[in-house]
Amino acid sequence: MNPDMEPKPRTLEELNQSIALLEQRQEMELLSLKQSSDDIVASLRPANLIKQIIGDVLEDRELGEKIRISATSAVGSIMNDWLIGKVENPLLRMVLRLASAPVTRFTERLIKRWL
């Protein structure tokens, strides 16, 4: 006899108990299967996929460093081209150039903390 198999019921009461036990086992397996499918569906939602991809990207230190450098360069470029470049007053332009360095460093620290 296989050790995983239960002995055959000999009475009607044993048969009913076996049926109840099997139904209970089947219900638990169905609940487990439903939970597994719910977990899979949740992990495939766009927001969760994006969150997982961002997490994977952020774990890569080299890529994170490249993102930090690119973002810092973008902020510096925006400051110089769009803000400082539009100002005609030389004194104000000099003040903005002096202010752009702390803003760029702040951005760099902020991104570094986020990454």
C-alpha atoms as a PDB file:
ATOM      1  CA  MET A   1       0.000   0.000   0.000  1.00  0.00           C
ATOM      2  CA  ASN A   2       1.234   3.509  -0.863  1.00  0.00           C
ATOM      3  CA  PRO A   3       2.038   5.456   2.362  1.00  0.00           C
ATOM      4  CA  ASP A   4       0.411   8.632   0.952  1.00  0.00           C
ATOM      5  CA  MET A   5      -2.879   6.869   0.406  1.00  0.00           C
ATOM      6  CA  GLU A   6      -5.338   6.640   3.220  1.00  0.00           C
ATOM      7  CA  PRO A   7      -6.944   3.308   4.008  1.00  0.00           C
ATOM      8  CA  LYS A   8     -10.224   2.628   2.296  1.00  0.00           C
ATOM      9  CA  PRO A   9     -13.271   3.570   4.346  1.00  0.00           C
ATOM     10  CA  ARG A  10     -15.125   0.552   5.655  1.00  0.00           C
ATOM     11  CA  THR A  11     -18.265   2.204   6.945  1.00  0.00           C
ATOM     12  CA  LEU A  12     -20.600   4.897   5.701  1.00  0.00           C
ATOM     13  CA  GLU A  13     -19.380   7.247   8.451  1.00  0.00           C
ATOM     14  CA  GLU A  14     -15.737   6.724   7.409  1.00  0.00           C
ATOM     15  CA  LEU A  15     -16.735   7.353   3.794  1.00  0.00           C
ATOM     16  CA  ASN A  16     -18.501  10.608   4.727  1.00  0.00           C
ATOM     17  CA  GLN A  17     -15.443  11.687   6.768  1.00  0.00           C
ATOM     18  CA  SER A  18     -13.140  10.918   3.850  1.00  0.00           C
ATOM     19  CA  ILE A  19     -15.371  12.864   1.475  1.00  0.00           C
ATOM     20  CA  ALA A  20     -15.484  15.828   3.895  1.00  0.00           C
ATOM     21  CA  LEU A  21     -11.698  15.703   4.269  1.00  0.00           C
ATOM     22  CA  LEU A  22     -11.195  15.608   0.494  1.00  0.00           C
ATOM     23  CA  GLU A  23     -13.644  18.480  -0.015  1.00  0.00           C
ATOM     24  CA  GLN A  24     -11.813  20.492   2.632  1.00  0.00           C
ATOM     25  CA  ARG A  25      -8.454  19.742   1.010  1.00  0.00           C
ATOM     26  CA  GLN A  26      -9.854  20.656  -2.404  1.00  0.00           C
ATOM     27  CA  GLU A  27     -11.235  23.938  -1.057  1.00  0.00           C
ATOM     28  CA  MET A  28      -7.870  24.837   0.501  1.00  0.00           C
ATOM     29  CA  GLU A  29      -6.050  24.022  -2.751  1.00  0.00           C
ATOM     30  CA  LEU A  30      -8.558  26.137  -4.678  1.00  0.00           C
ATOM     31  CA  LEU A  31      -8.042  29.064  -2.295  1.00  0.00           C
ATOM     32  CA  SER A  32      -4.278  28.680  -2.628  1.00  0.00           C
ATOM     33  CA  LEU A  33      -4.557  28.601  -6.412  1.00  0.00           C
ATOM     34  CA  LYS A  34      -6.819  31.669  -6.393  1.00  0.00           C
ATOM     35  CA  GLN A  35      -4.351  33.541  -4.165  1.00  0.00           C
ATOM     36  CA  SER A  36      -1.482  32.602  -6.475  1.00  0.00           C
ATOM     37  CA  SER A  37      -3.394  33.805  -9.530  1.00  0.00           C
ATOM     38  CA  ASP A  38      -4.330  37.059  -7.736  1.00  0.00           C
ATOM     39  CA  ASP A  39      -0.649  37.605  -6.890  1.00  0.00           C
ATOM     40  CA  ILE A  40       0.346  37.032 -10.522  1.00  0.00           C
ATOM     41  CA  VAL A  41      -2.343  39.416 -11.787  1.00  0.00           C
ATOM     42  CA  ALA A  42      -1.257  42.058  -9.255  1.00  0.00           C
ATOM     43  CA  SER A  43       2.371  41.743 -10.298  1.00  0.00           C
ATOM     44  CA  LEU A  44       1.411  42.230 -13.952  1.00  0.00           C
ATOM     45  CA  ARG A  45      -0.398  45.529 -13.382  1.00  0.00           C
ATOM     46  CA  PRO A  46       1.341  48.388 -15.191  1.00  0.00           C
ATOM     47  CA  ALA A  47       2.087  50.306 -11.993  1.00  0.00           C
ATOM     48  CA  ASN A  48       3.689  47.262 -10.391  1.00  0.00           C
ATOM     49  CA  LEU A  49       5.662  46.453 -13.532  1.00  0.00           C
ATOM     50  CA  ILE A  50       6.981  50.006 -13.672  1.00  0.00           C
ATOM     51  CA  LYS A  51       7.834  49.924  -9.977  1.00  0.00           C
ATOM     52  CA  GLN A  52       9.697  46.639 -10.429  1.00  0.00           C
ATOM     53  CA  ILE A  53      11.596  47.906 -13.482  1.00  0.00           C
ATOM     54  CA  ILE A  54      12.585  51.106 -11.691  1.00  0.00           C
ATOM     55  CA  GLY A  55      13.733  49.068  -8.706  1.00  0.00           C
ATOM     56  CA  ASP A  56      15.831  46.854 -10.962  1.00  0.00           C
ATOM     57  CA  VAL A  57      17.345  49.860 -12.722  1.00  0.00           C
ATOM     58  CA  LEU A  58      18.125  51.620  -9.462  1.00  0.00           C
ATOM     59  CA  GLU A  59      19.949  48.555  -8.146  1.00  0.00           C
ATOM     60  CA  ASP A  60      22.491  48.940 -10.953  1.00  0.00           C
ATOM     61  CA  ARG A  61      25.037  51.377  -9.442  1.00  0.00           C
ATOM     62  CA  GLU A  62      26.714  52.258 -12.730  1.00  0.00           C
ATOM     63  CA  LEU A  63      23.399  53.080 -14.378  1.00  0.00           C
ATOM     64  CA  GLY A  64      22.351  55.078 -11.321  1.00  0.00           C
ATOM     65  CA  GLU A  65      25.545  57.124 -11.573  1.00  0.00           C
ATOM     66  CA  LYS A  66      24.852  57.792 -15.269  1.00  0.00           C
ATOM     67  CA  ILE A  67      21.298  58.884 -14.457  1.00  0.00           C
ATOM     68  CA  ARG A  68      22.609  61.206 -11.729  1.00  0.00           C
ATOM     69  CA  ILE A  69      25.166  62.782 -14.032  1.00  0.00           C
ATOM     70  CA  SER A  70      22.619  63.183 -16.846  1.00  0.00           C
ATOM     71  CA  ALA A  71      20.020  64.750 -14.575  1.00  0.00           C
ATOM     72  CA  THR A  72      22.557  67.116 -13.053  1.00  0.00           C
ATOM     73  CA  SER A  73      23.759  68.120 -16.513  1.00  0.00           C
ATOM     74  CA  ALA A  74      20.172  68.679 -17.620  1.00  0.00           C
ATOM     75  CA  VAL A  75      19.476  70.961 -14.663  1.00  0.00           C
ATOM     76  CA  GLY A  76      22.681  72.898 -15.354  1.00  0.00           C
ATOM     77  CA  SER A  77      21.779  73.202 -19.008  1.00  0.00           C
ATOM     78  CA  ILE A  78      18.267  74.383 -18.205  1.00  0.00           C
ATOM     79  CA  MET A  79      19.648  76.945 -15.785  1.00  0.00           C
ATOM     80  CA  ASN A  80      22.200  78.236 -18.313  1.00  0.00           C
ATOM     81  CA  ASP A  81      20.232  78.075 -21.542  1.00  0.00           C
ATOM     82  CA  TRP A  82      16.701  78.883 -20.514  1.00  0.00           C
ATOM     83  CA  LEU A  83      17.096  81.047 -17.453  1.00  0.00           C
ATOM     84  CA  ILE A  84      20.469  82.756 -17.599  1.00  0.00           C
ATOM     85  CA  GLY A  85      20.505  82.961 -21.388  1.00  0.00           C
ATOM     86  CA  LYS A  86      17.274  84.989 -21.422  1.00  0.00           C
ATOM     87  CA  VAL A  87      18.549  87.630 -18.978  1.00  0.00           C
ATOM     88  CA  GLU A  88      20.141  90.696 -20.547  1.00  0.00           C
ATOM     89  CA  ASN A  89      21.203  92.454 -17.356  1.00  0.00           C
ATOM     90  CA  PRO A  90      24.906  91.531 -16.790  1.00  0.00           C
ATOM     91  CA  LEU A  91      24.693  91.887 -13.009  1.00  0.00           C
ATOM     92  CA  LEU A  92      21.616  89.662 -12.760  1.00  0.00           C
ATOM     93  CA  ARG A  93      23.231  87.194 -15.160  1.00  0.00           C
ATOM     94  CA  MET A  94      26.292  86.975 -12.884  1.00  0.00           C
ATOM     95  CA  VAL A  95      24.095  86.429  -9.798  1.00  0.00           C
ATOM     96  CA  LEU A  96      22.186  83.686 -11.597  1.00  0.00           C
ATOM     97  CA  ARG A  97      25.425  81.997 -12.664  1.00  0.00           C
ATOM     98  CA  LEU A  98      26.631  82.073  -9.063  1.00  0.00           C
ATOM     99  CA  ALA A  99      23.284  80.652  -7.917  1.00  0.00           C
ATOM    100  CA  SER A 100      23.313  77.908 -10.533  1.00  0.00           C
ATOM    101  CA  ALA A 101      26.192  76.015  -8.887  1.00  0.00           C
ATOM    102  CA  PRO A 102      24.378  75.471  -5.537  1.00  0.00           C
ATOM    103  CA  VAL A 103      21.186  74.562  -7.369  1.00  0.00           C
ATOM    104  CA  THR A 104      23.069  72.005  -9.453  1.00  0.00           C
ATOM    105  CA  ARG A 105      24.789  70.566  -6.356  1.00  0.00           C
ATOM    106  CA  PHE A 106      21.448  70.418  -4.537  1.00  0.00           C
ATOM    107  CA  THR A 107      19.929  68.573  -7.489  1.00  0.00           C
ATOM    108  CA  GLU A 108      22.869  66.180  -7.558  1.00  0.00           C
ATOM    109  CA  ARG A 109      22.502  65.404  -3.831  1.00  0.00           C
ATOM    110  CA  LEU A 110      18.756  65.010  -4.162  1.00  0.00           C
ATOM    111  CA  ILE A 111      19.111  62.546  -7.035  1.00  0.00           C
ATOM    112  CA  LYS A 112      21.923  60.707  -5.261  1.00  0.00           C
ATOM    113  CA  ARG A 113      19.701  60.281  -2.207  1.00  0.00           C
ATOM    114  CA  TRP A 114      16.826  59.069  -4.383  1.00  0.00           C
ATOM    115  CA  LEU A 115      19.015  56.603  -6.246  1.00  0.00           C
END
